[in-house]
Every structure is written in structure tokens, then in C-alpha cells.
Amino acid sequence: MAVPKRKISKSRRDKRRSSVWKLVMPGMAKCPKCGEYNLSYRVCKECGSYDGKEIIKKEA
């Protein structure tokens, strides 16, 4: 059975693992109606529109 000959240092181990655990920012898109940034393929929280149509009635 294969056994490591030397101990892997913490820095070497952590360098290998560093790229795996990074979080990725979700895709943000600008609302065509109000210009606010929101998640793609979701109703805009500010104006309540999706795909150019009013989905949720928002009072100004």
C-alpha cells in the first residue's frame, strides 16, 4: 500500500485547497425599467417588473 514519504506542510496543503472553496458571485443584471441591479431571471424588487412586464404592483 502506498504511503506518503514526508508530511505535507500546512501551507502546501492549503495552497492546493484554496481555489476550491472560493465563492462565486451570482449573475447580476440591470433592470431595463428602473436600472437597479438584481439577480438574473427574477422579478425586480424595486419596480416589480420581469421581461418588460409589470408582475407585482408597486406603489410609487
Protein backbone atom coordinates (compact mmCIF):
# COMPACT_ATOMS: atom_id res chain seq x y z
CA MET A 1 0.00 0.00 0.00
CA ALA A 2 1.34 3.45 -0.93
CA VAL A 3 2.20 5.71 1.99
CA PRO A 4 3.44 9.33 1.82
CA LYS A 5 7.19 9.54 2.45
CA ARG A 6 7.04 13.02 4.00
CA LYS A 7 4.43 15.09 5.81
CA ILE A 8 2.70 17.65 3.58
CA SER A 9 3.09 21.08 5.18
CA LYS A 10 0.03 23.17 6.05
CA SER A 11 0.96 25.85 3.53
CA ARG A 12 1.32 23.32 0.70
CA ARG A 13 -1.97 21.65 1.65
CA ASP A 14 -3.79 24.99 1.89
CA LYS A 15 -2.41 26.19 -1.45
CA ARG A 16 -3.94 23.15 -3.09
CA ARG A 17 -7.31 23.68 -1.41
CA SER A 18 -7.50 27.46 -1.85
CA SER A 19 -9.08 27.53 -5.29
CA VAL A 20 -11.79 25.00 -4.41
CA TRP A 21 -13.52 26.96 -1.65
CA LYS A 22 -13.86 30.37 -3.31
CA LEU A 23 -17.41 31.66 -3.62
CA VAL A 24 -18.67 32.89 -6.97
CA MET A 25 -20.83 35.99 -7.22
CA PRO A 26 -24.25 35.24 -8.72
CA GLY A 27 -25.09 36.72 -12.11
CA MET A 28 -26.43 40.23 -11.63
CA ALA A 29 -28.35 42.06 -14.34
CA LYS A 30 -29.60 45.63 -14.70
CA CYS A 31 -33.37 46.09 -14.76
CA PRO A 32 -34.38 47.66 -18.09
CA LYS A 33 -37.18 49.68 -16.45
CA CYS A 34 -35.59 51.20 -13.33
CA GLY A 35 -31.89 50.43 -13.77
CA GLU A 36 -31.44 48.64 -10.43
CA TYR A 37 -29.24 45.55 -10.22
CA ASN A 38 -30.96 42.27 -9.34
CA LEU A 39 -30.48 38.53 -9.86
CA SER A 40 -30.98 37.29 -13.41
CA TYR A 41 -34.34 35.74 -14.29
CA ARG A 42 -36.03 37.15 -11.19
CA VAL A 43 -38.66 39.85 -10.65
CA CYS A 44 -37.14 43.26 -9.86
CA LYS A 45 -37.64 44.18 -6.19
CA GLU A 46 -37.74 47.90 -6.90
CA CYS A 47 -40.29 48.19 -9.72
CA GLY A 48 -41.85 44.68 -9.74
CA SER A 49 -41.27 44.05 -13.45
CA TYR A 50 -39.96 40.98 -15.29
CA ASP A 51 -39.20 40.74 -19.01
CA GLY A 52 -40.60 44.25 -19.56
CA LYS A 53 -43.97 43.41 -17.98
CA GLU A 54 -45.31 44.51 -14.59
CA ILE A 55 -45.68 41.39 -12.43
CA ILE A 56 -46.02 42.88 -8.95
CA LYS A 57 -47.92 46.13 -8.42
CA LYS A 58 -45.65 48.62 -6.64
CA GLU A 59 -46.92 51.94 -5.34
CA ALA A 60 -44.68 54.94 -6.01
